[in-house]
Amino acid sequence: VVGYSYTKAGENLAYGQRTEAAVVSGWMNSQTHRENIVGEFAESGLCSRLEMYQGWTQTITVHHFGTRQ
């Protein structure tokens, strides 16, 4: 994010899942994604959008994590 000075940051990405529960389940079953979710970040932001990606329309979800300086 422009102007966000951080000491620690992380990001989870997901696409192709059909439900929010499937996104969270996938992240929680991945060690690195799970570490972002349960980690010691001070802030987070989440966005999901329906977009054309790799030739077909699908939901893309981005979850950013950060701790400001």
C-alpha atoms as a PDB file:
ATOM      1  CA  VAL A   1       0.000   0.000   0.000  1.00  0.00           C
ATOM      2  CA  VAL A   2       1.367   3.397  -0.923  1.00  0.00           C
ATOM      3  CA  GLY A   3       2.437   5.351   2.149  1.00  0.00           C
ATOM      4  CA  TYR A   4       2.150   2.432   4.559  1.00  0.00           C
ATOM      5  CA  SER A   5       5.451   2.252   6.428  1.00  0.00           C
ATOM      6  CA  TYR A   6       5.702  -1.158   8.049  1.00  0.00           C
ATOM      7  CA  THR A   7       7.995  -3.232  10.196  1.00  0.00           C
ATOM      8  CA  LYS A   8       6.269  -6.475   9.222  1.00  0.00           C
ATOM      9  CA  ALA A   9       3.926  -7.364   6.340  1.00  0.00           C
ATOM     10  CA  GLY A  10       2.256 -10.401   4.811  1.00  0.00           C
ATOM     11  CA  GLU A  11      -0.242 -11.291   2.106  1.00  0.00           C
ATOM     12  CA  ASN A  12      -2.608 -14.169   1.352  1.00  0.00           C
ATOM     13  CA  LEU A  13      -4.057 -14.639  -2.138  1.00  0.00           C
ATOM     14  CA  ALA A  14      -6.789 -17.005  -3.279  1.00  0.00           C
ATOM     15  CA  TYR A  15      -8.647 -17.581  -6.535  1.00  0.00           C
ATOM     16  CA  GLY A  16     -10.991 -20.176  -7.915  1.00  0.00           C
ATOM     17  CA  GLN A  17     -12.730 -21.132  -4.675  1.00  0.00           C
ATOM     18  CA  ARG A  18     -16.514 -21.017  -4.828  1.00  0.00           C
ATOM     19  CA  THR A  19     -17.232 -19.925  -1.234  1.00  0.00           C
ATOM     20  CA  GLU A  20     -15.696 -17.811   1.505  1.00  0.00           C
ATOM     21  CA  ALA A  21     -15.466 -20.929   3.651  1.00  0.00           C
ATOM     22  CA  ALA A  22     -13.381 -22.629   0.950  1.00  0.00           C
ATOM     23  CA  VAL A  23     -10.971 -19.658   0.868  1.00  0.00           C
ATOM     24  CA  VAL A  24     -10.488 -19.707   4.645  1.00  0.00           C
ATOM     25  CA  SER A  25     -10.207 -23.492   4.720  1.00  0.00           C
ATOM     26  CA  GLY A  26      -7.508 -23.400   2.039  1.00  0.00           C
ATOM     27  CA  TRP A  27      -5.558 -20.730   3.892  1.00  0.00           C
ATOM     28  CA  MET A  28      -5.839 -22.505   7.248  1.00  0.00           C
ATOM     29  CA  ASN A  29      -4.597 -25.743   5.653  1.00  0.00           C
ATOM     30  CA  SER A  30      -1.497 -23.988   4.298  1.00  0.00           C
ATOM     31  CA  GLN A  31       1.258 -23.425   6.862  1.00  0.00           C
ATOM     32  CA  THR A  32       2.446 -20.085   5.472  1.00  0.00           C
ATOM     33  CA  HIS A  33      -1.053 -18.676   4.930  1.00  0.00           C
ATOM     34  CA  ARG A  34      -2.129 -19.847   8.395  1.00  0.00           C
ATOM     35  CA  GLU A  35       0.912 -18.150   9.951  1.00  0.00           C
ATOM     36  CA  ASN A  36      -0.233 -14.849   8.438  1.00  0.00           C
ATOM     37  CA  ILE A  37      -3.766 -15.261   9.825  1.00  0.00           C
ATOM     38  CA  VAL A  38      -2.773 -16.263  13.362  1.00  0.00           C
ATOM     39  CA  GLY A  39       0.477 -14.273  13.390  1.00  0.00           C
ATOM     40  CA  GLU A  40       1.264 -11.152  15.315  1.00  0.00           C
ATOM     41  CA  PHE A  41       0.187  -8.483  12.850  1.00  0.00           C
ATOM     42  CA  ALA A  42      -1.430  -5.304  14.170  1.00  0.00           C
ATOM     43  CA  GLU A  43      -3.682  -4.640  11.162  1.00  0.00           C
ATOM     44  CA  SER A  44      -5.249  -6.419   8.218  1.00  0.00           C
ATOM     45  CA  GLY A  45      -7.371  -5.642   5.173  1.00  0.00           C
ATOM     46  CA  LEU A  46      -9.400  -8.026   3.040  1.00  0.00           C
ATOM     47  CA  CYS A  47     -10.912  -7.689  -0.435  1.00  0.00           C
ATOM     48  CA  SER A  48     -12.753 -10.096  -2.756  1.00  0.00           C
ATOM     49  CA  ARG A  49     -13.685  -9.322  -6.340  1.00  0.00           C
ATOM     50  CA  LEU A  50     -15.203 -11.187  -9.232  1.00  0.00           C
ATOM     51  CA  GLU A  51     -12.712 -10.762 -12.111  1.00  0.00           C
ATOM     52  CA  MET A  52     -11.618 -12.340 -15.372  1.00  0.00           C
ATOM     53  CA  TYR A  53      -8.442 -14.333 -14.636  1.00  0.00           C
ATOM     54  CA  GLN A  54      -6.744 -17.029 -16.703  1.00  0.00           C
ATOM     55  CA  GLY A  55      -9.561 -16.986 -19.244  1.00  0.00           C
ATOM     56  CA  TRP A  56     -12.551 -17.266 -16.956  1.00  0.00           C
ATOM     57  CA  THR A  57     -14.463 -15.230 -14.397  1.00  0.00           C
ATOM     58  CA  GLN A  58     -13.623 -16.146 -10.820  1.00  0.00           C
ATOM     59  CA  THR A  59     -13.454 -14.721  -7.332  1.00  0.00           C
ATOM     60  CA  ILE A  60     -10.047 -13.354  -6.341  1.00  0.00           C
ATOM     61  CA  THR A  61      -9.440 -12.719  -2.642  1.00  0.00           C
ATOM     62  CA  VAL A  62      -6.537 -10.738  -1.189  1.00  0.00           C
ATOM     63  CA  HIS A  63      -5.790 -10.441   2.528  1.00  0.00           C
ATOM     64  CA  HIS A  64      -2.998  -8.038   3.558  1.00  0.00           C
ATOM     65  CA  PHE A  65      -1.406  -8.019   7.008  1.00  0.00           C
ATOM     66  CA  GLY A  66       0.851  -5.393   8.525  1.00  0.00           C
ATOM     67  CA  THR A  67       2.413  -3.761  11.547  1.00  0.00           C
ATOM     68  CA  ARG A  68       3.209  -0.077  11.152  1.00  0.00           C
ATOM     69  CA  GLN A  69       6.563   1.420  12.006  1.00  0.00           C
END
